[in-house]
All heavy atoms as atom14 arrays in JSON, in Angstrom:
{
  "sequence": "TDARRKEVYWARYADARTRLTEPAVDRPADLADQVAGVPAVGAGALLY",
  "atom14_mask": [
    [1, 1, 1, 1, 1, 1, 1, 0, 0, 0, 0, 0, 0, 0],
    [1, 1, 1, 1, 1, 1, 1, 1, 0, 0, 0, 0, 0, 0],
    [1, 1, 1, 1, 1, 0, 0, 0, 0, 0, 0, 0, 0, 0],
    [1, 1, 1, 1, 1, 1, 1, 1, 1, 1, 1, 0, 0, 0],
    [1, 1, 1, 1, 1, 1, 1, 1, 1, 1, 1, 0, 0, 0],
    [1, 1, 1, 1, 1, 1, 1, 1, 1, 0, 0, 0, 0, 0],
    [1, 1, 1, 1, 1, 1, 1, 1, 1, 0, 0, 0, 0, 0],
    [1, 1, 1, 1, 1, 1, 1, 0, 0, 0, 0, 0, 0, 0],
    [1, 1, 1, 1, 1, 1, 1, 1, 1, 1, 1, 1, 0, 0],
    [1, 1, 1, 1, 1, 1, 1, 1, 1, 1, 1, 1, 1, 1],
    [1, 1, 1, 1, 1, 0, 0, 0, 0, 0, 0, 0, 0, 0],
    [1, 1, 1, 1, 1, 1, 1, 1, 1, 1, 1, 0, 0, 0],
    [1, 1, 1, 1, 1, 1, 1, 1, 1, 1, 1, 1, 0, 0],
    [1, 1, 1, 1, 1, 0, 0, 0, 0, 0, 0, 0, 0, 0],
    [1, 1, 1, 1, 1, 1, 1, 1, 0, 0, 0, 0, 0, 0],
    [1, 1, 1, 1, 1, 0, 0, 0, 0, 0, 0, 0, 0, 0],
    [1, 1, 1, 1, 1, 1, 1, 1, 1, 1, 1, 0, 0, 0],
    [1, 1, 1, 1, 1, 1, 1, 0, 0, 0, 0, 0, 0, 0],
    [1, 1, 1, 1, 1, 1, 1, 1, 1, 1, 1, 0, 0, 0],
    [1, 1, 1, 1, 1, 1, 1, 1, 0, 0, 0, 0, 0, 0],
    [1, 1, 1, 1, 1, 1, 1, 0, 0, 0, 0, 0, 0, 0],
    [1, 1, 1, 1, 1, 1, 1, 1, 1, 0, 0, 0, 0, 0],
    [1, 1, 1, 1, 1, 1, 1, 0, 0, 0, 0, 0, 0, 0],
    [1, 1, 1, 1, 1, 0, 0, 0, 0, 0, 0, 0, 0, 0],
    [1, 1, 1, 1, 1, 1, 1, 0, 0, 0, 0, 0, 0, 0],
    [1, 1, 1, 1, 1, 1, 1, 1, 0, 0, 0, 0, 0, 0],
    [1, 1, 1, 1, 1, 1, 1, 1, 1, 1, 1, 0, 0, 0],
    [1, 1, 1, 1, 1, 1, 1, 0, 0, 0, 0, 0, 0, 0],
    [1, 1, 1, 1, 1, 0, 0, 0, 0, 0, 0, 0, 0, 0],
    [1, 1, 1, 1, 1, 1, 1, 1, 0, 0, 0, 0, 0, 0],
    [1, 1, 1, 1, 1, 1, 1, 1, 0, 0, 0, 0, 0, 0],
    [1, 1, 1, 1, 1, 0, 0, 0, 0, 0, 0, 0, 0, 0],
    [1, 1, 1, 1, 1, 1, 1, 1, 0, 0, 0, 0, 0, 0],
    [1, 1, 1, 1, 1, 1, 1, 1, 1, 0, 0, 0, 0, 0],
    [1, 1, 1, 1, 1, 1, 1, 0, 0, 0, 0, 0, 0, 0],
    [1, 1, 1, 1, 1, 0, 0, 0, 0, 0, 0, 0, 0, 0],
    [1, 1, 1, 1, 0, 0, 0, 0, 0, 0, 0, 0, 0, 0],
    [1, 1, 1, 1, 1, 1, 1, 0, 0, 0, 0, 0, 0, 0],
    [1, 1, 1, 1, 1, 1, 1, 0, 0, 0, 0, 0, 0, 0],
    [1, 1, 1, 1, 1, 0, 0, 0, 0, 0, 0, 0, 0, 0],
    [1, 1, 1, 1, 1, 1, 1, 0, 0, 0, 0, 0, 0, 0],
    [1, 1, 1, 1, 0, 0, 0, 0, 0, 0, 0, 0, 0, 0],
    [1, 1, 1, 1, 1, 0, 0, 0, 0, 0, 0, 0, 0, 0],
    [1, 1, 1, 1, 0, 0, 0, 0, 0, 0, 0, 0, 0, 0],
    [1, 1, 1, 1, 1, 0, 0, 0, 0, 0, 0, 0, 0, 0],
    [1, 1, 1, 1, 1, 1, 1, 1, 0, 0, 0, 0, 0, 0],
    [1, 1, 1, 1, 1, 1, 1, 1, 0, 0, 0, 0, 0, 0],
    [1, 1, 1, 1, 1, 1, 1, 1, 1, 1, 1, 1, 0, 0]
  ],
  "atom14_positions": [
    [[4.79, 0.62, 2.76], [6.06, 0.33, 3.4], [6.02, -1.07, 4.01], [4.94, -1.62, 4.23], [6.4, 1.36, 4.49], [5.38, 1.34, 5.5], [6.49, 2.77, 3.9], [0.0, 0.0, 0.0], [0.0, 0.0, 0.0], [0.0, 0.0, 0.0], [0.0, 0.0, 0.0], [0.0, 0.0, 0.0], [0.0, 0.0, 0.0], [0.0, 0.0, 0.0]],
    [[7.18, -1.61, 4.28], [7.26, -2.97, 4.83], [6.91, -2.94, 6.31], [7.6, -2.3, 7.11], [8.67, -3.51, 4.63], [8.82, -4.94, 5.12], [7.79, -5.6, 5.39], [9.97, -5.4, 5.22], [0.0, 0.0, 0.0], [0.0, 0.0, 0.0], [0.0, 0.0, 0.0], [0.0, 0.0, 0.0], [0.0, 0.0, 0.0], [0.0, 0.0, 0.0]],
    [[5.83, -3.62, 6.69], [5.41, -3.68, 8.09], [5.93, -4.94, 8.78], [5.59, -5.22, 9.93], [3.88, -3.64, 8.18], [0.0, 0.0, 0.0], [0.0, 0.0, 0.0], [0.0, 0.0, 0.0], [0.0, 0.0, 0.0], [0.0, 0.0, 0.0], [0.0, 0.0, 0.0], [0.0, 0.0, 0.0], [0.0, 0.0, 0.0], [0.0, 0.0, 0.0]],
    [[6.74, -5.72, 8.06], [7.23, -7.01, 8.55], [6.04, -7.97, 8.74], [4.92, -7.63, 8.42], [8.05, -6.84, 9.82], [9.23, -5.86, 9.65], [9.94, -5.62, 10.96], [10.93, -4.55, 10.83], [11.59, -4.03, 11.86], [11.38, -4.48, 13.09], [12.48, -3.07, 11.67], [0.0, 0.0, 0.0], [0.0, 0.0, 0.0], [0.0, 0.0, 0.0]],
    [[6.31, -9.16, 9.25], [5.26, -10.16, 9.46], [4.45, -10.41, 8.18], [3.26, -10.73, 8.24], [4.3, -9.75, 10.58], [4.97, -9.45, 11.9], [3.92, -9.12, 12.92], [4.49, -8.46, 14.08], [3.78, -7.94, 15.07], [2.44, -7.99, 15.02], [4.35, -7.36, 16.09], [0.0, 0.0, 0.0], [0.0, 0.0, 0.0], [0.0, 0.0, 0.0]],
    [[5.07, -10.22, 7.03], [4.42, -10.4, 5.74], [3.21, -9.49, 5.57], [2.19, -9.86, 4.97], [4.01, -11.87, 5.55], [5.2, -12.81, 5.56], [4.77, -14.25, 5.34], [5.99, -15.17, 5.34], [5.6, -16.59, 5.14], [0.0, 0.0, 0.0], [0.0, 0.0, 0.0], [0.0, 0.0, 0.0], [0.0, 0.0, 0.0], [0.0, 0.0, 0.0]],
    [[3.34, -8.24, 6.09], [2.3, -7.22, 5.97], [2.91, -5.92, 5.46], [4.13, -5.74, 5.48], [1.6, -6.99, 7.31], [0.8, -8.19, 7.81], [0.13, -7.93, 9.15], [0.69, -7.15, 9.96], [-0.93, -8.51, 9.4], [0.0, 0.0, 0.0], [0.0, 0.0, 0.0], [0.0, 0.0, 0.0], [0.0, 0.0, 0.0], [0.0, 0.0, 0.0]],
    [[2.03, -5.0, 5.06], [2.47, -3.66, 4.64], [1.64, -2.6, 5.35], [0.47, -2.82, 5.66], [2.35, -3.46, 3.11], [3.33, -4.36, 2.38], [0.93, -3.69, 2.61], [0.0, 0.0, 0.0], [0.0, 0.0, 0.0], [0.0, 0.0, 0.0], [0.0, 0.0, 0.0], [0.0, 0.0, 0.0], [0.0, 0.0, 0.0], [0.0, 0.0, 0.0]],
    [[2.26, -1.46, 5.59], [1.54, -0.25, 5.96], [1.26, 0.47, 4.64], [2.16, 0.62, 3.81], [2.38, 0.65, 6.85], [2.73, 0.07, 8.19], [4.07, -0.12, 8.56], [1.74, -0.28, 9.11], [4.4, -0.63, 9.79], [2.08, -0.8, 10.35], [3.4, -0.98, 10.69], [3.73, -1.5, 11.92], [0.0, 0.0, 0.0], [0.0, 0.0, 0.0]],
    [[0.04, 0.95, 4.45], [-0.26, 1.55, 3.16], [-1.39, 2.57, 3.25], [-2.13, 2.62, 4.23], [-0.63, 0.47, 2.14], [-1.98, -0.14, 2.36], [-2.37, -0.97, 3.37], [-3.15, 0.06, 1.55], [-3.7, -1.3, 3.25], [-4.2, -0.7, 2.14], [-3.4, 0.78, 0.38], [-5.49, -0.73, 1.59], [-4.68, 0.75, -0.15], [-5.7, -0.01, 0.44]],
    [[-1.5, 3.39, 2.2], [-2.59, 4.36, 2.08], [-2.72, 4.76, 0.62], [-1.78, 4.64, -0.17], [-2.35, 5.59, 2.95], [0.0, 0.0, 0.0], [0.0, 0.0, 0.0], [0.0, 0.0, 0.0], [0.0, 0.0, 0.0], [0.0, 0.0, 0.0], [0.0, 0.0, 0.0], [0.0, 0.0, 0.0], [0.0, 0.0, 0.0], [0.0, 0.0, 0.0]],
    [[-3.91, 5.26, 0.27], [-4.18, 5.74, -1.1], [-4.02, 7.27, -1.14], [-4.35, 7.97, -0.18], [-5.61, 5.4, -1.52], [-5.83, 3.96, -1.92], [-7.26, 3.78, -2.43], [-7.49, 2.45, -2.94], [-7.2, 2.07, -4.17], [-6.69, 2.95, -5.03], [-7.43, 0.83, -4.57], [0.0, 0.0, 0.0], [0.0, 0.0, 0.0], [0.0, 0.0, 0.0]],
    [[-3.57, 7.76, -2.31], [-3.38, 9.2, -2.52], [-4.0, 9.64, -3.84], [-3.97, 8.89, -4.83], [-1.88, 9.53, -2.52], [-1.26, 9.38, -1.15], [-0.9, 8.12, -0.67], [-1.06, 10.48, -0.33], [-0.37, 7.97, 0.6], [-0.52, 10.33, 0.94], [-0.18, 9.08, 1.39], [0.33, 8.93, 2.66], [0.0, 0.0, 0.0], [0.0, 0.0, 0.0]],
    [[-4.53, 10.85, -3.86], [-5.03, 11.43, -5.1], [-3.89, 12.03, -5.9], [-3.9, 12.04, -7.14], [-6.07, 12.51, -4.81], [0.0, 0.0, 0.0], [0.0, 0.0, 0.0], [0.0, 0.0, 0.0], [0.0, 0.0, 0.0], [0.0, 0.0, 0.0], [0.0, 0.0, 0.0], [0.0, 0.0, 0.0], [0.0, 0.0, 0.0], [0.0, 0.0, 0.0]],
    [[-2.9, 12.55, -5.18], [-1.68, 13.1, -5.77], [-0.63, 13.13, -4.66], [-0.89, 12.65, -3.55], [-1.91, 14.5, -6.37], [-2.54, 15.46, -5.38], [-2.05, 15.55, -4.23], [-3.53, 16.13, -5.74], [0.0, 0.0, 0.0], [0.0, 0.0, 0.0], [0.0, 0.0, 0.0], [0.0, 0.0, 0.0], [0.0, 0.0, 0.0], [0.0, 0.0, 0.0]],
    [[0.52, 13.71, -4.94], [1.63, 13.65, -3.98], [1.34, 14.34, -2.66], [2.02, 14.07, -1.66], [2.88, 14.26, -4.62], [0.0, 0.0, 0.0], [0.0, 0.0, 0.0], [0.0, 0.0, 0.0], [0.0, 0.0, 0.0], [0.0, 0.0, 0.0], [0.0, 0.0, 0.0], [0.0, 0.0, 0.0], [0.0, 0.0, 0.0], [0.0, 0.0, 0.0]],
    [[0.34, 15.2, -2.63], [0.07, 15.95, -1.41], [-1.26, 15.58, -0.74], [-1.53, 16.0, 0.38], [0.06, 17.46, -1.74], [0.22, 18.37, -0.53], [0.13, 19.83, -0.94], [0.34, 20.73, 0.17], [-0.56, 21.02, 1.09], [-1.76, 20.43, 1.05], [-0.29, 21.88, 2.05], [0.0, 0.0, 0.0], [0.0, 0.0, 0.0], [0.0, 0.0, 0.0]],
    [[-2.09, 14.79, -1.41], [-3.46, 14.57, -0.93], [-3.7, 13.09, -0.62], [-3.85, 12.28, -1.54], [-4.49, 15.05, -1.97], [-4.17, 16.38, -2.38], [-5.89, 15.01, -1.38], [0.0, 0.0, 0.0], [0.0, 0.0, 0.0], [0.0, 0.0, 0.0], [0.0, 0.0, 0.0], [0.0, 0.0, 0.0], [0.0, 0.0, 0.0], [0.0, 0.0, 0.0]],
    [[-3.79, 12.76, 0.66], [-4.09, 11.38, 1.06], [-5.59, 11.19, 1.1], [-6.33, 12.01, 1.63], [-3.47, 11.08, 2.43], [-3.79, 9.69, 2.94], [-2.76, 9.19, 3.95], [-2.35, 10.18, 4.91], [-2.98, 10.43, 6.06], [-4.09, 9.77, 6.36], [-2.51, 11.34, 6.9], [0.0, 0.0, 0.0], [0.0, 0.0, 0.0], [0.0, 0.0, 0.0]],
    [[-6.05, 10.05, 0.56], [-7.48, 9.77, 0.47], [-7.98, 8.84, 1.58], [-9.17, 8.87, 1.9], [-7.79, 9.12, -0.89], [-7.52, 9.97, -2.13], [-7.75, 9.14, -3.38], [-8.4, 11.21, -2.13], [0.0, 0.0, 0.0], [0.0, 0.0, 0.0], [0.0, 0.0, 0.0], [0.0, 0.0, 0.0], [0.0, 0.0, 0.0], [0.0, 0.0, 0.0]],
    [[-7.1, 8.0, 2.13], [-7.51, 7.03, 3.13], [-6.61, 7.1, 4.36], [-5.48, 7.59, 4.29], [-7.45, 5.59, 2.56], [-6.08, 5.27, 2.24], [-8.32, 5.44, 1.34], [0.0, 0.0, 0.0], [0.0, 0.0, 0.0], [0.0, 0.0, 0.0], [0.0, 0.0, 0.0], [0.0, 0.0, 0.0], [0.0, 0.0, 0.0], [0.0, 0.0, 0.0]],
    [[-7.12, 6.6, 5.45], [-6.3, 6.52, 6.66], [-5.26, 5.42, 6.47], [-5.52, 4.41, 5.79], [-7.16, 6.2, 7.88], [-8.08, 7.33, 8.29], [-7.32, 8.59, 8.67], [-6.31, 8.48, 9.4], [-7.72, 9.68, 8.21], [0.0, 0.0, 0.0], [0.0, 0.0, 0.0], [0.0, 0.0, 0.0], [0.0, 0.0, 0.0], [0.0, 0.0, 0.0]],
    [[-4.08, 5.57, 7.05], [-3.08, 4.51, 6.97], [-3.63, 3.21, 7.55], [-4.4, 3.22, 8.52], [-1.92, 5.04, 7.81], [-2.1, 6.52, 7.81], [-3.57, 6.75, 7.79], [0.0, 0.0, 0.0], [0.0, 0.0, 0.0], [0.0, 0.0, 0.0], [0.0, 0.0, 0.0], [0.0, 0.0, 0.0], [0.0, 0.0, 0.0], [0.0, 0.0, 0.0]],
    [[-3.25, 2.09, 6.94], [-3.73, 0.78, 7.38], [-2.59, -0.22, 7.32], [-1.56, 0.01, 6.67], [-4.89, 0.32, 6.5], [0.0, 0.0, 0.0], [0.0, 0.0, 0.0], [0.0, 0.0, 0.0], [0.0, 0.0, 0.0], [0.0, 0.0, 0.0], [0.0, 0.0, 0.0], [0.0, 0.0, 0.0], [0.0, 0.0, 0.0], [0.0, 0.0, 0.0]],
    [[-2.77, -1.34, 8.0], [-1.81, -2.45, 7.92], [-2.57, -3.69, 7.46], [-3.61, -4.03, 8.03], [-1.09, -2.68, 9.27], [-2.07, -2.98, 10.4], [-0.06, -3.79, 9.14], [0.0, 0.0, 0.0], [0.0, 0.0, 0.0], [0.0, 0.0, 0.0], [0.0, 0.0, 0.0], [0.0, 0.0, 0.0], [0.0, 0.0, 0.0], [0.0, 0.0, 0.0]],
    [[-2.08, -4.33, 6.4], [-2.77, -5.48, 5.82], [-1.76, -6.43, 5.19], [-0.62, -6.05, 4.88], [-3.75, -5.03, 4.73], [-4.97, -4.32, 5.3], [-5.78, -4.99, 5.94], [-5.09, -3.1, 5.08], [0.0, 0.0, 0.0], [0.0, 0.0, 0.0], [0.0, 0.0, 0.0], [0.0, 0.0, 0.0], [0.0, 0.0, 0.0], [0.0, 0.0, 0.0]],
    [[-2.22, -7.66, 4.97], [-1.45, -8.6, 4.17], [-1.6, -8.23, 2.7], [-2.71, -7.95, 2.24], [-1.93, -10.03, 4.41], [-1.61, -10.55, 5.81], [-2.0, -12.01, 5.95], [-1.63, -12.51, 7.26], [-0.43, -12.98, 7.57], [0.52, -13.03, 6.63], [-0.16, -13.42, 8.78], [0.0, 0.0, 0.0], [0.0, 0.0, 0.0], [0.0, 0.0, 0.0]],
    [[-0.5, -8.22, 1.96], [-0.6, -7.84, 0.54], [-1.64, -8.61, -0.24], [-2.35, -8.03, -1.07], [0.82, -8.11, 0.03], [1.69, -7.95, 1.23], [0.89, -8.47, 2.38], [0.0, 0.0, 0.0], [0.0, 0.0, 0.0], [0.0, 0.0, 0.0], [0.0, 0.0, 0.0], [0.0, 0.0, 0.0], [0.0, 0.0, 0.0], [0.0, 0.0, 0.0]],
    [[-1.76, -9.9, 0.01], [-2.72, -10.7, -0.75], [-4.14, -10.21, -0.58], [-4.96, -10.32, -1.49], [-2.63, -12.17, -0.32], [0.0, 0.0, 0.0], [0.0, 0.0, 0.0], [0.0, 0.0, 0.0], [0.0, 0.0, 0.0], [0.0, 0.0, 0.0], [0.0, 0.0, 0.0], [0.0, 0.0, 0.0], [0.0, 0.0, 0.0], [0.0, 0.0, 0.0]],
    [[-4.43, -9.61, 0.59], [-5.78, -9.1, 0.84], [-6.06, -7.81, 0.08], [-7.21, -7.36, 0.03], [-5.99, -8.87, 2.34], [-5.91, -10.17, 3.14], [-6.13, -11.25, 2.55], [-5.62, -10.11, 4.35], [0.0, 0.0, 0.0], [0.0, 0.0, 0.0], [0.0, 0.0, 0.0], [0.0, 0.0, 0.0], [0.0, 0.0, 0.0], [0.0, 0.0, 0.0]],
    [[-5.01, -7.21, -0.48], [-5.15, -5.93, -1.18], [-5.13, -6.08, -2.69], [-5.27, -5.08, -3.41], [-4.02, -4.98, -0.77], [-3.83, -4.71, 0.71], [-2.59, -3.87, 0.93], [-5.05, -4.0, 1.27], [0.0, 0.0, 0.0], [0.0, 0.0, 0.0], [0.0, 0.0, 0.0], [0.0, 0.0, 0.0], [0.0, 0.0, 0.0], [0.0, 0.0, 0.0]],
    [[-4.93, -7.3, -3.17], [-4.66, -7.5, -4.59], [-5.69, -6.84, -5.5], [-5.33, -6.17, -6.49], [-4.58, -9.0, -4.89], [0.0, 0.0, 0.0], [0.0, 0.0, 0.0], [0.0, 0.0, 0.0], [0.0, 0.0, 0.0], [0.0, 0.0, 0.0], [0.0, 0.0, 0.0], [0.0, 0.0, 0.0], [0.0, 0.0, 0.0], [0.0, 0.0, 0.0]],
    [[-6.96, -6.98, -5.18], [-8.0, -6.42, -6.04], [-8.0, -4.9, -6.01], [-8.42, -4.25, -6.97], [-9.38, -6.93, -5.6], [-9.56, -8.42, -5.88], [-8.8, -8.95, -6.7], [-10.46, -9.02, -5.27], [0.0, 0.0, 0.0], [0.0, 0.0, 0.0], [0.0, 0.0, 0.0], [0.0, 0.0, 0.0], [0.0, 0.0, 0.0], [0.0, 0.0, 0.0]],
    [[-7.51, -4.31, -4.91], [-7.54, -2.85, -4.75], [-6.34, -2.16, -5.39], [-6.44, -1.0, -5.8], [-7.59, -2.47, -3.27], [-8.77, -3.03, -2.51], [-8.73, -2.62, -1.05], [-8.73, -1.43, -0.72], [-8.68, -3.6, -0.16], [0.0, 0.0, 0.0], [0.0, 0.0, 0.0], [0.0, 0.0, 0.0], [0.0, 0.0, 0.0], [0.0, 0.0, 0.0]],
    [[-5.19, -2.84, -5.43], [-3.96, -2.16, -5.84], [-3.37, -2.66, -7.16], [-2.41, -2.07, -7.65], [-2.89, -2.26, -4.74], [-3.41, -1.68, -3.43], [-2.43, -3.71, -4.53], [0.0, 0.0, 0.0], [0.0, 0.0, 0.0], [0.0, 0.0, 0.0], [0.0, 0.0, 0.0], [0.0, 0.0, 0.0], [0.0, 0.0, 0.0], [0.0, 0.0, 0.0]],
    [[-3.89, -3.73, -7.71], [-3.34, -4.27, -8.96], [-3.37, -3.22, -10.07], [-4.41, -2.64, -10.36], [-4.13, -5.51, -9.4], [0.0, 0.0, 0.0], [0.0, 0.0, 0.0], [0.0, 0.0, 0.0], [0.0, 0.0, 0.0], [0.0, 0.0, 0.0], [0.0, 0.0, 0.0], [0.0, 0.0, 0.0], [0.0, 0.0, 0.0], [0.0, 0.0, 0.0]],
    [[-2.21, -2.94, -10.63], [-2.11, -1.98, -11.73], [-2.09, -0.53, -11.31], [-1.83, 0.34, -12.14], [0.0, 0.0, 0.0], [0.0, 0.0, 0.0], [0.0, 0.0, 0.0], [0.0, 0.0, 0.0], [0.0, 0.0, 0.0], [0.0, 0.0, 0.0], [0.0, 0.0, 0.0], [0.0, 0.0, 0.0], [0.0, 0.0, 0.0], [0.0, 0.0, 0.0]],
    [[-2.35, -0.25, -10.03], [-2.35, 1.13, -9.54], [-0.9, 1.56, -9.3], [-0.13, 0.81, -8.71], [-3.15, 1.26, -8.23], [-3.1, 2.68, -7.7], [-4.59, 0.81, -8.44], [0.0, 0.0, 0.0], [0.0, 0.0, 0.0], [0.0, 0.0, 0.0], [0.0, 0.0, 0.0], [0.0, 0.0, 0.0], [0.0, 0.0, 0.0], [0.0, 0.0, 0.0]],
    [[-0.5, 2.74, -9.75], [0.86, 3.2, -9.46], [1.14, 3.11, -7.96], [0.27, 3.44, -7.15], [0.85, 4.66, -9.94], [-0.17, 4.68, -11.02], [-1.24, 3.72, -10.57], [0.0, 0.0, 0.0], [0.0, 0.0, 0.0], [0.0, 0.0, 0.0], [0.0, 0.0, 0.0], [0.0, 0.0, 0.0], [0.0, 0.0, 0.0], [0.0, 0.0, 0.0]],
    [[2.34, 2.65, -7.6], [2.67, 2.45, -6.2], [4.14, 2.76, -5.96], [4.99, 2.53, -6.83], [2.37, 1.01, -5.77], [0.0, 0.0, 0.0], [0.0, 0.0, 0.0], [0.0, 0.0, 0.0], [0.0, 0.0, 0.0], [0.0, 0.0, 0.0], [0.0, 0.0, 0.0], [0.0, 0.0, 0.0], [0.0, 0.0, 0.0], [0.0, 0.0, 0.0]],
    [[4.43, 3.29, -4.77], [5.82, 3.56, -4.38], [6.04, 3.06, -2.97], [5.09, 2.85, -2.21], [6.16, 5.07, -4.46], [6.02, 5.59, -5.87], [5.28, 5.88, -3.5], [0.0, 0.0, 0.0], [0.0, 0.0, 0.0], [0.0, 0.0, 0.0], [0.0, 0.0, 0.0], [0.0, 0.0, 0.0], [0.0, 0.0, 0.0], [0.0, 0.0, 0.0]],
    [[7.31, 2.88, -2.61], [7.66, 2.46, -1.26], [8.22, 1.05, -1.22], [7.99, 0.24, -2.12], [0.0, 0.0, 0.0], [0.0, 0.0, 0.0], [0.0, 0.0, 0.0], [0.0, 0.0, 0.0], [0.0, 0.0, 0.0], [0.0, 0.0, 0.0], [0.0, 0.0, 0.0], [0.0, 0.0, 0.0], [0.0, 0.0, 0.0], [0.0, 0.0, 0.0]],
    [[8.96, 0.77, -0.14], [9.62, -0.53, 0.0], [8.63, -1.67, 0.04], [8.93, -2.78, -0.43], [10.47, -0.53, 1.27], [0.0, 0.0, 0.0], [0.0, 0.0, 0.0], [0.0, 0.0, 0.0], [0.0, 0.0, 0.0], [0.0, 0.0, 0.0], [0.0, 0.0, 0.0], [0.0, 0.0, 0.0], [0.0, 0.0, 0.0], [0.0, 0.0, 0.0]],
    [[7.44, -1.45, 0.6], [6.43, -2.51, 0.65], [5.94, -2.89, -0.73], [5.74, -4.07, -1.04], [0.0, 0.0, 0.0], [0.0, 0.0, 0.0], [0.0, 0.0, 0.0], [0.0, 0.0, 0.0], [0.0, 0.0, 0.0], [0.0, 0.0, 0.0], [0.0, 0.0, 0.0], [0.0, 0.0, 0.0], [0.0, 0.0, 0.0], [0.0, 0.0, 0.0]],
    [[5.76, -1.88, -1.58], [5.31, -2.15, -2.95], [6.39, -2.88, -3.74], [6.1, -3.78, -4.54], [4.94, -0.84, -3.64], [0.0, 0.0, 0.0], [0.0, 0.0, 0.0], [0.0, 0.0, 0.0], [0.0, 0.0, 0.0], [0.0, 0.0, 0.0], [0.0, 0.0, 0.0], [0.0, 0.0, 0.0], [0.0, 0.0, 0.0], [0.0, 0.0, 0.0]],
    [[7.64, -2.52, -3.52], [8.75, -3.2, -4.2], [8.89, -4.64, -3.72], [9.16, -5.54, -4.51], [10.05, -2.44, -3.94], [10.21, -1.1, -4.67], [11.34, -0.3, -4.07], [10.45, -1.34, -6.16], [0.0, 0.0, 0.0], [0.0, 0.0, 0.0], [0.0, 0.0, 0.0], [0.0, 0.0, 0.0], [0.0, 0.0, 0.0], [0.0, 0.0, 0.0]],
    [[8.69, -4.86, -2.43], [8.83, -6.19, -1.86], [7.76, -7.15, -2.35], [8.02, -8.33, -2.58], [8.8, -6.1, -0.33], [9.01, -7.37, 0.47], [10.39, -7.97, 0.17], [8.87, -7.08, 1.96], [0.0, 0.0, 0.0], [0.0, 0.0, 0.0], [0.0, 0.0, 0.0], [0.0, 0.0, 0.0], [0.0, 0.0, 0.0], [0.0, 0.0, 0.0]],
    [[6.55, -6.61, -2.54], [5.42, -7.44, -2.97], [4.94, -7.0, -4.35], [3.77, -6.68, -4.55], [4.3, -7.36, -1.94], [4.71, -7.87, -0.58], [5.01, -6.99, 0.46], [4.8, -9.23, -0.33], [5.41, -7.45, 1.7], [5.2, -9.71, 0.92], [5.5, -8.82, 1.93], [5.89, -9.28, 3.17], [0.0, 0.0, 0.0], [0.0, 0.0, 0.0]]
  ]
}
């Protein structure tokens, strides 16, 4: 989701009901290697 300040709130999921990581706030550029090509949903993913 959009965290403003050019950051996102985000987390990883195994499926729609199972979260794998604690929610975090980061700059999208710092996540590029982790999320590139991974299915993503939410306003933050659409924005970046």
